[in-house]
């Protein structure tokens, strides 16, 4: 019974860590998008 409880606790911990990593990655992507310099609108192919 203790092994099963340990397995469930380990699985729950792994899911928690995975969600936190995805959450941090999503927030980092938002910050990157918000702070990235916009591409220049002058392109030589328009001429």
Protein backbone atom coordinates (compact mmCIF):
# COMPACT_ATOMS: atom_id res chain seq x y z
CA UNK A 1 0.00 0.00 0.00
CA UNK A 2 2.88 2.37 0.79
CA UNK A 3 4.42 1.74 -2.64
CA UNK A 4 1.13 2.64 -4.34
CA UNK A 5 0.87 5.84 -2.29
CA UNK A 6 4.45 6.73 -3.17
CA UNK A 7 3.75 6.08 -6.86
CA UNK A 8 0.65 8.29 -6.80
CA UNK A 9 2.50 11.06 -4.96
CA UNK A 10 5.38 10.90 -7.44
CA UNK A 11 3.01 11.04 -10.40
CA UNK A 12 1.15 14.00 -8.89
CA UNK A 13 4.44 15.79 -8.29
CA UNK A 14 5.55 15.16 -11.87
CA UNK A 15 2.27 16.56 -13.23
CA UNK A 16 2.60 19.62 -10.99
CA UNK A 17 6.16 20.30 -12.14
CA UNK A 18 5.20 19.81 -15.79
CA UNK A 19 2.34 22.30 -15.48
CA UNK A 20 4.56 24.86 -13.79
CA UNK A 21 7.16 24.54 -16.55
CA UNK A 22 4.51 25.02 -19.26
CA UNK A 23 3.07 27.99 -17.35
CA UNK A 24 6.48 29.65 -17.04
CA UNK A 25 7.23 29.02 -20.72
CA UNK A 26 3.92 30.59 -21.75
CA UNK A 27 4.60 33.65 -19.62
CA UNK A 28 8.12 33.95 -21.01
CA UNK A 29 6.71 33.79 -24.56
CA UNK A 30 4.24 36.57 -23.72
CA UNK A 31 7.01 38.75 -22.31
CA UNK A 32 9.15 38.11 -25.36
CA UNK A 33 6.28 39.06 -27.66
CA UNK A 34 5.45 42.16 -25.64
CA UNK A 35 9.02 43.43 -25.43
CA UNK A 36 10.30 42.42 -28.87
CA UNK A 37 11.15 45.24 -31.21
CA UNK A 38 8.71 45.39 -34.11
CA UNK A 39 10.11 44.61 -37.54
CA UNK A 40 10.95 47.65 -39.63
CA UNK A 41 8.23 48.59 -42.08
CA UNK A 42 10.64 49.81 -44.76
CA UNK A 43 11.55 46.98 -47.06
CA UNK A 44 13.49 47.20 -50.30
CA UNK A 45 11.16 44.79 -52.11
CA UNK A 46 8.39 47.44 -52.32
CA UNK A 47 10.35 49.61 -54.75
